[in-house]
Amino acid sequence: MKILIISYYFLPSTIANAKRPFYITKGLLDKGWDVDVITSDSNTLPDYTEQLTHQNLTITRIRDPYYTAEISLTGKLKKIILAFLKGFILWPDNYVLWALKILRKTDTKKYDRVFVCIMPISMIVFSLFKKVSSKWIFDYSEPFSLKTVKRRRSPILFIMSPFMMRLQRRMLKRSGAALFTSNTALQDYVDCGLIAKEKSFLVPLFFNDSDYSNKEPDKDLCIISYTGVFGMGVEKRSPATFFQALHLFLEKTPEARKKIKFHFYGQWQERDTPLISKYNLEDIVAINPAVPHEHYLNVLETSSILLLVTDESDNMFIPSKMLDYFGAKRPILAFVPSNSETYSILKDAGMHTFHSEPYDAKQGFENIEALWNKWIRENLSCKNTTTNHWSFSFQMPRILEIVNKK
């Protein structure tokens, strides 16, 4: 059996969404499938090498024209050109030029299955040319429905959204199945009539059990780590509340200043830099670039505490880093709405002990203090959690069952 996996991101890309298609590919290869992967080289480090090799695997990386412009242009001209392209030209999103290149170069008829990951809304171009059939499966880590369109800042995307909904409905009607990582998104798609309930499946994000080696965290420093990116161009999902909580803790416990550190890895937003001096954290905060996947896993396992920040607008998007935190078995300092699906997952996994609302610095301070006291007593353990449901070994058989379904 031969399957084509289309995913804009694929490890060793440093974007979080690169992990799920990588793990799914690995699971399919283990079960004897021949796998072709079409992906991009976006957000890969300059000296990258493929992390997955197999005699039945072919990985083809197709350069995205938009990404080429993004890394080539500089200064104010870059901002103007990219804003114009995203706001008025590229539809349905800035991945569409890449999707069109795939459309021209790929013969999907020769595959028994076509599995589309990560950015499926760009794949409506395949529907326009009647490429989609019942052998196609869409993996909606990034849903796009009536509830999410209002969050998008692109004028053309907002204006064209009714037409796009019709195209998406037609695409999903022709497809064999759609997977959703969020139950909120799944219910929204069903309620909006975008997909039949019997063709939609909840398959949550998961961590790969075999990635972790049960390393011990640094015993000399209490390191709080965060990976990825805080809010992109918006005030929500900001580090401000966490920094304020950390500032309150250090005011009460000044002796902790030499021992507690915050390490950030990823795409830092310069607009957040003034917060570091505002809360007197210059000697606490270390800003690092994104790191390769193996280094990322090492960061999680050797950290004392892992930070999670979401807001109420993120309910249809489950942060993939949270599942990796589960795998690392480190305590989670969570600034998450208690009415969100993310919090429900934390609670079901037994990882919600150090939770506060996104803007509750007082509760955040109390959580940091409690974690600090546990660290002092060398009692920062999460061994007795119930996280197996969100593991590769639990979820991959469910994906295989759907892929193998006639």
Protein backbone atom coordinates (compact mmCIF):
# COMPACT_ATOMS: atom_id res chain seq x y z
CA MET A 1 0.00 0.00 0.00
CA LYS A 2 1.30 3.44 -0.94
CA ILE A 3 0.42 6.71 0.77
CA LEU A 4 1.23 10.34 0.02
CA ILE A 5 1.60 12.67 3.00
CA ILE A 6 1.34 16.38 2.26
CA SER A 7 2.50 18.60 5.09
CA TYR A 8 3.90 22.11 4.88
CA TYR A 9 6.01 21.43 7.98
CA PHE A 10 7.97 18.24 8.64
CA LEU A 11 10.89 17.58 10.98
CA PRO A 12 13.58 18.83 11.16
CA SER A 13 11.57 22.03 10.74
CA THR A 14 11.63 23.83 14.09
CA ILE A 15 7.89 24.61 13.94
CA ALA A 16 5.83 22.64 16.47
CA ASN A 17 3.38 21.42 13.80
CA ALA A 18 6.22 19.51 12.08
CA LYS A 19 6.14 16.75 14.69
CA ARG A 20 2.73 15.15 14.11
CA PRO A 21 3.20 14.30 10.37
CA PHE A 22 6.70 13.06 11.17
CA TYR A 23 5.39 10.64 13.82
CA ILE A 24 2.51 9.52 11.59
CA THR A 25 4.99 8.80 8.79
CA LYS A 26 7.11 6.76 11.17
CA GLY A 27 4.06 4.78 12.32
CA LEU A 28 2.99 4.02 8.76
CA LEU A 29 6.49 2.85 7.80
CA ASP A 30 6.54 0.55 10.83
CA LYS A 31 3.35 -1.10 9.51
CA GLY A 32 4.75 -1.72 6.03
CA TRP A 33 3.37 1.24 4.08
CA ASP A 34 5.34 2.86 1.25
CA VAL A 35 5.35 6.57 2.11
CA ASP A 36 6.03 9.60 -0.06
CA VAL A 37 6.20 12.91 1.82
CA ILE A 38 5.85 16.27 0.11
CA THR A 39 6.83 19.13 2.38
CA SER A 40 8.69 22.45 2.37
CA ASP A 41 12.04 23.51 3.76
CA SER A 42 10.48 26.38 5.69
CA ASN A 43 11.82 27.00 9.19
CA THR A 44 14.59 24.43 8.89
CA LEU A 45 18.05 25.26 10.15
CA PRO A 46 20.66 25.95 7.41
CA ASP A 47 22.64 22.75 8.00
CA TYR A 48 19.70 20.40 8.48
CA THR A 49 19.66 16.75 7.49
CA GLU A 50 16.62 14.48 7.23
CA GLN A 51 15.84 12.84 10.57
CA LEU A 52 13.88 9.94 9.11
CA THR A 53 15.30 7.56 6.51
CA HIS A 54 13.81 4.28 5.31
CA GLN A 55 13.93 2.17 2.16
CA ASN A 56 10.18 2.71 1.69
CA LEU A 57 10.30 6.47 2.29
CA THR A 58 10.80 9.36 -0.12
CA ILE A 59 10.83 12.95 1.18
CA THR A 60 10.53 15.76 -1.36
CA ARG A 61 10.97 19.32 -0.15
CA ILE A 62 9.46 21.98 -2.39
CA ARG A 63 10.48 25.59 -1.74
CA ASP A 64 7.60 27.92 -0.92
CA PRO A 65 7.70 31.17 -2.98
CA TYR A 66 6.22 33.15 -0.10
CA TYR A 67 8.83 31.83 2.33
CA THR A 68 11.56 32.74 -0.17
CA ALA A 69 10.27 36.31 -0.19
CA GLU A 70 10.00 36.31 3.59
CA ILE A 71 13.66 35.39 4.13
CA SER A 72 15.00 37.41 1.20
CA LEU A 73 13.36 40.80 1.73
CA THR A 74 14.52 43.17 4.46
CA GLY A 75 13.49 46.41 6.15
CA LYS A 76 10.27 48.34 5.70
CA LEU A 77 9.86 47.11 2.12
CA LYS A 78 9.58 43.55 3.44
CA LYS A 79 6.77 44.46 5.82
CA ILE A 80 4.86 46.36 3.14
CA ILE A 81 5.17 43.66 0.45
CA LEU A 82 4.34 40.76 2.77
CA ALA A 83 1.40 42.60 4.32
CA PHE A 84 0.04 43.36 0.85
CA LEU A 85 0.44 39.77 -0.31
CA LYS A 86 -1.17 38.31 2.82
CA GLY A 87 -3.93 40.91 3.00
CA PHE A 88 -5.02 41.30 -0.61
CA ILE A 89 -3.44 38.75 -2.96
CA LEU A 90 -2.85 35.33 -1.44
CA TRP A 91 -6.02 33.33 -0.92
CA PRO A 92 -7.00 31.33 1.04
CA ASP A 93 -3.72 31.93 2.92
CA ASN A 94 -0.03 32.55 2.31
CA TYR A 95 0.63 28.82 1.75
CA VAL A 96 -1.43 28.76 -1.44
CA LEU A 97 1.52 29.32 -3.83
CA TRP A 98 3.18 26.27 -2.33
CA ALA A 99 -0.06 24.28 -2.68
CA LEU A 100 -0.33 25.28 -6.34
CA LYS A 101 3.23 24.08 -6.99
CA ILE A 102 2.30 20.71 -5.51
CA LEU A 103 -0.87 20.63 -7.61
CA ARG A 104 1.18 20.93 -10.79
CA LYS A 105 3.87 18.42 -9.81
CA THR A 106 1.93 15.64 -8.06
CA ASP A 107 0.01 12.73 -9.54
CA THR A 108 -2.25 11.81 -6.60
CA LYS A 109 -4.01 9.05 -8.56
CA LYS A 110 -1.12 6.62 -8.08
CA TYR A 111 -1.59 6.51 -4.30
CA ASP A 112 -3.90 4.33 -2.24
CA ARG A 113 -4.24 7.13 0.31
CA VAL A 114 -3.48 10.85 0.43
CA PHE A 115 -3.03 12.27 3.92
CA VAL A 116 -3.00 16.07 4.26
CA CYS A 117 -1.59 17.57 7.47
CA ILE A 118 -1.22 20.90 9.22
CA MET A 119 -2.51 23.53 6.77
CA PRO A 120 -5.40 21.81 4.97
CA ILE A 121 -7.24 25.04 4.10
CA SER A 122 -4.66 25.70 1.37
CA MET A 123 -5.59 22.33 -0.05
CA ILE A 124 -8.93 23.62 -1.31
CA VAL A 125 -7.02 24.38 -4.51
CA PHE A 126 -7.03 20.60 -5.09
CA SER A 127 -10.80 20.63 -4.68
CA LEU A 128 -11.08 23.42 -7.25
CA PHE A 129 -9.45 21.11 -9.78
CA LYS A 130 -11.48 18.07 -8.63
CA LYS A 131 -8.43 16.24 -7.30
CA VAL A 132 -9.96 15.22 -3.96
CA SER A 133 -11.55 11.77 -3.64
CA SER A 134 -12.61 9.30 -0.94
CA LYS A 135 -9.01 8.15 -0.52
CA TRP A 136 -8.06 11.56 0.87
CA ILE A 137 -7.82 12.16 4.63
CA PHE A 138 -7.47 15.65 6.12
CA ASP A 139 -5.79 16.22 9.48
CA TYR A 140 -7.14 19.44 10.99
CA SER A 141 -4.55 20.65 13.46
CA GLU A 142 -5.38 24.10 12.09
CA PRO A 143 -9.16 24.37 11.55
CA PHE A 144 -10.82 27.12 9.56
CA SER A 145 -14.54 27.66 10.12
CA LEU A 146 -17.01 30.43 10.84
CA LYS A 147 -15.73 30.72 14.40
CA THR A 148 -12.10 31.18 13.37
CA VAL A 149 -12.49 33.44 10.33
CA LYS A 150 -13.15 36.49 12.53
CA ARG A 151 -9.72 36.09 14.08
CA ARG A 152 -7.94 36.35 10.74
CA ARG A 153 -6.69 39.82 9.84
CA SER A 154 -6.56 39.34 6.07
CA PRO A 155 -9.23 41.42 4.27
CA ILE A 156 -9.39 39.06 1.30
CA LEU A 157 -9.72 36.08 3.63
CA PHE A 158 -12.61 37.68 5.47
CA ILE A 159 -14.40 38.80 2.29
CA MET A 160 -13.99 35.44 0.58
CA SER A 161 -14.83 33.32 3.62
CA PRO A 162 -18.40 32.37 2.55
CA PHE A 163 -17.07 31.08 -0.79
CA MET A 164 -14.25 29.28 0.99
CA MET A 165 -16.71 27.58 3.34
CA ARG A 166 -18.59 26.22 0.33
CA LEU A 167 -15.37 24.95 -1.24
CA GLN A 168 -14.26 23.39 2.03
CA ARG A 169 -17.65 21.69 2.42
CA ARG A 170 -17.34 20.28 -1.10
CA MET A 171 -13.76 19.17 -0.44
CA LEU A 172 -14.70 17.34 2.75
CA LYS A 173 -17.76 15.79 1.14
CA ARG A 174 -15.51 14.20 -1.50
CA SER A 175 -12.89 13.11 1.05
CA GLY A 176 -12.83 9.88 3.01
CA ALA A 177 -12.34 11.30 6.50
CA ALA A 178 -11.12 14.24 8.56
CA LEU A 179 -9.18 14.07 11.81
CA PHE A 180 -9.41 16.82 14.41
CA THR A 181 -7.03 17.47 17.29
CA SER A 182 -9.64 19.55 19.14
CA ASN A 183 -13.12 18.36 20.04
CA THR A 184 -14.27 21.99 19.92
CA ALA A 185 -13.17 22.23 16.29
CA LEU A 186 -14.74 18.89 15.39
CA GLN A 187 -18.12 19.89 16.83
CA ASP A 188 -17.93 23.27 15.09
CA TYR A 189 -17.31 21.65 11.70
CA VAL A 190 -20.19 19.23 12.21
CA ASP A 191 -22.54 21.96 13.48
CA CYS A 192 -21.69 24.21 10.53
CA GLY A 193 -22.41 21.39 8.10
CA LEU A 194 -18.85 21.32 6.80
CA ILE A 195 -18.51 17.58 7.34
CA ALA A 196 -20.71 14.62 8.19
CA LYS A 197 -20.31 13.39 11.75
CA GLU A 198 -19.55 9.83 10.62
CA LYS A 199 -16.54 11.06 8.62
CA SER A 200 -15.00 13.10 11.45
CA PHE A 201 -12.69 11.65 14.10
CA LEU A 202 -11.07 13.11 17.20
CA VAL A 203 -7.40 12.12 17.25
CA PRO A 204 -5.60 14.40 19.71
CA LEU A 205 -2.07 15.64 19.44
CA PHE A 206 0.38 13.23 21.03
CA PHE A 207 3.96 12.86 22.21
CA ASN A 208 6.28 10.11 21.01
CA ASP A 209 6.98 7.78 23.95
CA SER A 210 10.35 6.67 22.58
CA ASP A 211 11.68 10.25 22.33
CA TYR A 212 12.27 10.52 26.06
CA SER A 213 15.12 9.05 28.11
CA ASN A 214 13.99 10.00 31.65
CA LYS A 215 16.81 12.47 32.18
CA GLU A 216 17.09 14.27 35.49
CA PRO A 217 16.67 18.06 35.54
CA ASP A 218 19.42 20.45 36.57
CA LYS A 219 19.75 20.26 40.37
CA ASP A 220 21.73 23.49 40.81
CA LEU A 221 19.24 25.78 39.08
CA CYS A 222 15.44 25.89 39.06
CA ILE A 223 14.89 26.40 35.32
CA ILE A 224 11.50 27.39 33.92
CA SER A 225 11.43 26.85 30.15
CA TYR A 226 9.13 27.86 27.30
CA THR A 227 9.47 26.88 23.64
CA GLY A 228 7.93 28.25 20.46
CA VAL A 229 6.39 31.70 20.33
CA PHE A 230 4.21 33.90 22.47
CA GLY A 231 1.31 35.77 20.83
CA MET A 232 2.03 36.83 17.26
CA GLY A 233 1.36 40.57 16.94
CA VAL A 234 -1.38 40.62 19.59
CA GLU A 235 -1.41 41.30 23.32
CA LYS A 236 -3.05 37.98 24.13
CA ARG A 237 -0.87 34.97 24.93
CA SER A 238 1.79 37.35 26.20
CA PRO A 239 4.48 36.54 28.79
CA ALA A 240 3.39 39.65 30.77
CA THR A 241 1.33 37.84 33.43
CA PHE A 242 4.03 35.23 33.97
CA PHE A 243 6.73 37.92 34.26
CA GLN A 244 4.57 39.83 36.74
CA ALA A 245 4.02 36.67 38.81
CA LEU A 246 7.74 35.89 38.76
CA HIS A 247 8.49 39.47 39.82
CA LEU A 248 6.09 39.15 42.80
CA PHE A 249 7.74 35.89 43.80
CA LEU A 250 11.27 37.36 43.66
CA GLU A 251 10.19 40.37 45.71
CA LYS A 252 8.99 38.03 48.45
CA THR A 253 11.84 35.52 48.05
CA PRO A 254 14.94 37.52 46.97
CA GLU A 255 17.27 34.63 47.85
CA ALA A 256 15.76 32.71 44.90
CA ARG A 257 17.16 35.21 42.39
CA LYS A 258 20.47 33.36 42.09
CA LYS A 259 18.78 30.00 41.60
CA ILE A 260 15.65 30.50 39.48
CA LYS A 261 15.95 31.19 35.74
CA PHE A 262 13.61 31.50 32.76
CA HIS A 263 14.85 30.09 29.43
CA PHE A 264 13.00 30.91 26.21
CA TYR A 265 13.64 28.99 22.97
CA GLY A 266 11.97 30.07 19.74
CA GLN A 267 10.81 33.19 17.92
CA TRP A 268 10.98 36.01 20.45
CA GLN A 269 8.74 39.04 19.83
CA GLU A 270 10.69 42.27 20.28
CA ARG A 271 7.58 43.99 21.58
CA ASP A 272 7.91 41.81 24.71
CA THR A 273 11.51 42.86 25.46
CA PRO A 274 10.52 45.93 27.58
CA LEU A 275 8.64 43.58 29.91
CA ILE A 276 11.95 42.10 31.06
CA SER A 277 13.22 45.39 32.44
CA LYS A 278 9.76 46.46 33.64
CA TYR A 279 9.67 43.49 36.01
CA ASN A 280 13.40 43.61 36.86
CA LEU A 281 14.19 40.23 35.29
CA GLU A 282 17.33 41.03 33.30
CA ASP A 283 19.38 38.53 35.30
CA ILE A 284 16.62 35.88 35.18
CA VAL A 285 15.56 35.72 31.52
CA ALA A 286 17.62 34.10 28.75
CA ILE A 287 16.36 34.42 25.15
CA ASN A 288 17.51 31.63 22.81
CA PRO A 289 16.70 30.89 19.14
CA ALA A 290 14.73 27.83 18.06
CA VAL A 291 16.69 24.59 18.41
CA PRO A 292 16.66 21.23 16.59
CA HIS A 293 14.19 18.62 17.75
CA GLU A 294 16.70 16.56 19.74
CA HIS A 295 17.88 19.68 21.59
CA TYR A 296 14.26 20.70 22.17
CA LEU A 297 13.51 17.35 23.84
CA ASN A 298 16.63 17.73 25.98
CA VAL A 299 15.46 21.20 27.06
CA LEU A 300 12.12 19.77 28.21
CA GLU A 301 13.62 16.89 30.17
CA THR A 302 16.35 18.93 31.88
CA SER A 303 14.07 21.81 32.87
CA SER A 304 12.61 21.98 36.36
CA ILE A 305 9.30 23.53 35.28
CA LEU A 306 7.62 23.98 31.88
CA LEU A 307 5.56 27.09 31.10
CA LEU A 308 2.28 27.00 29.18
CA VAL A 309 0.42 30.16 28.13
CA THR A 310 -2.86 30.27 26.17
CA ASP A 311 -5.95 32.50 26.07
CA GLU A 312 -9.65 32.17 25.36
CA SER A 313 -9.21 32.62 21.60
CA ASP A 314 -7.06 29.45 21.40
CA ASN A 315 -9.84 26.97 22.21
CA MET A 316 -9.86 25.38 18.75
CA PHE A 317 -6.07 25.08 18.69
CA ILE A 318 -4.49 22.73 21.22
CA PRO A 319 -0.82 23.69 21.87
CA SER A 320 1.33 20.76 20.78
CA LYS A 321 4.05 21.68 23.27
CA MET A 322 1.69 20.66 26.08
CA LEU A 323 1.75 17.04 24.90
CA ASP A 324 5.55 17.11 24.75
CA TYR A 325 5.49 18.43 28.31
CA PHE A 326 3.46 15.32 29.19
CA GLY A 327 6.17 13.15 27.68
CA ALA A 328 8.92 14.96 29.60
CA LYS A 329 7.02 14.43 32.88
CA ARG A 330 7.90 17.85 34.20
CA PRO A 331 5.43 20.00 36.22
CA ILE A 332 3.52 22.53 34.12
CA LEU A 333 3.08 26.14 35.19
CA ALA A 334 -0.09 26.86 33.23
CA PHE A 335 -1.70 30.23 32.49
CA VAL A 336 -4.76 28.77 30.76
CA PRO A 337 -8.51 29.62 30.79
CA SER A 338 -10.32 27.17 33.05
CA ASN A 339 -13.21 26.94 30.55
CA SER A 340 -10.93 25.86 27.70
CA GLU A 341 -10.38 22.45 26.14
CA THR A 342 -6.66 22.82 26.89
CA TYR A 343 -7.42 23.02 30.61
CA SER A 344 -9.73 19.99 30.36
CA ILE A 345 -6.86 17.99 28.86
CA LEU A 346 -4.50 19.17 31.61
CA LYS A 347 -7.03 18.12 34.21
CA ASP A 348 -7.70 14.73 32.62
CA ALA A 349 -3.96 14.09 32.53
CA GLY A 350 -3.50 15.12 36.15
CA MET A 351 -1.21 17.99 35.10
CA HIS A 352 -3.39 20.93 36.23
CA THR A 353 -2.11 21.40 39.79
CA PHE A 354 -0.22 24.64 39.05
CA HIS A 355 -2.88 26.36 36.99
CA SER A 356 -4.06 29.95 36.93
CA GLU A 357 -6.18 32.07 34.59
CA PRO A 358 -4.23 33.84 31.81
CA TYR A 359 -4.25 37.24 33.56
CA ASP A 360 -4.13 36.14 37.20
CA ALA A 361 -0.63 37.15 38.32
CA LYS A 362 -1.46 36.60 42.02
CA GLN A 363 -2.36 32.93 41.50
CA GLY A 364 0.62 32.60 39.19
CA PHE A 365 2.87 33.93 41.95
CA GLU A 366 1.40 31.41 44.41
CA ASN A 367 2.01 28.59 41.93
CA ILE A 368 5.63 29.65 41.39
CA GLU A 369 6.11 29.79 45.16
CA ALA A 370 4.65 26.29 45.58
CA LEU A 371 6.85 24.94 42.78
CA TRP A 372 9.91 26.61 44.28
CA ASN A 373 9.23 25.02 47.66
CA LYS A 374 8.90 21.61 46.00
CA TRP A 375 12.15 22.21 44.11
CA ILE A 376 13.93 23.08 47.35
CA ARG A 377 12.74 19.76 48.78
CA GLU A 378 13.74 17.97 45.53
CA ASN A 379 10.14 16.88 45.09
CA LEU A 380 9.32 18.14 41.57
CA SER A 381 7.99 14.86 40.19
CA CYS A 382 5.18 14.08 37.76
CA LYS A 383 5.63 10.31 37.60
CA ASN A 384 2.08 9.43 38.68
CA THR A 385 0.16 11.19 35.93
CA THR A 386 -2.30 9.66 33.46
CA THR A 387 -0.82 10.90 30.19
CA ASN A 388 -0.69 7.64 28.22
CA HIS A 389 -3.85 8.56 26.26
CA TRP A 390 -1.86 11.34 24.54
CA SER A 391 1.06 9.11 23.55
CA PHE A 392 2.14 7.84 20.13
CA SER A 393 1.68 4.22 21.23
CA PHE A 394 -1.96 4.89 22.14
CA GLN A 395 -3.03 7.16 19.25
CA MET A 396 -1.13 5.70 16.27
CA PRO A 397 -3.25 2.50 16.15
CA ARG A 398 -6.35 4.70 15.88
CA ILE A 399 -4.83 6.58 12.93
CA LEU A 400 -3.87 3.31 11.25
CA GLU A 401 -7.42 2.05 11.66
CA ILE A 402 -8.78 5.12 9.88
CA VAL A 403 -6.12 5.00 7.13
CA ASN A 404 -6.73 1.29 6.53
CA LYS A 405 -10.51 1.67 6.38
CA LYS A 406 -11.90 0.75 2.98
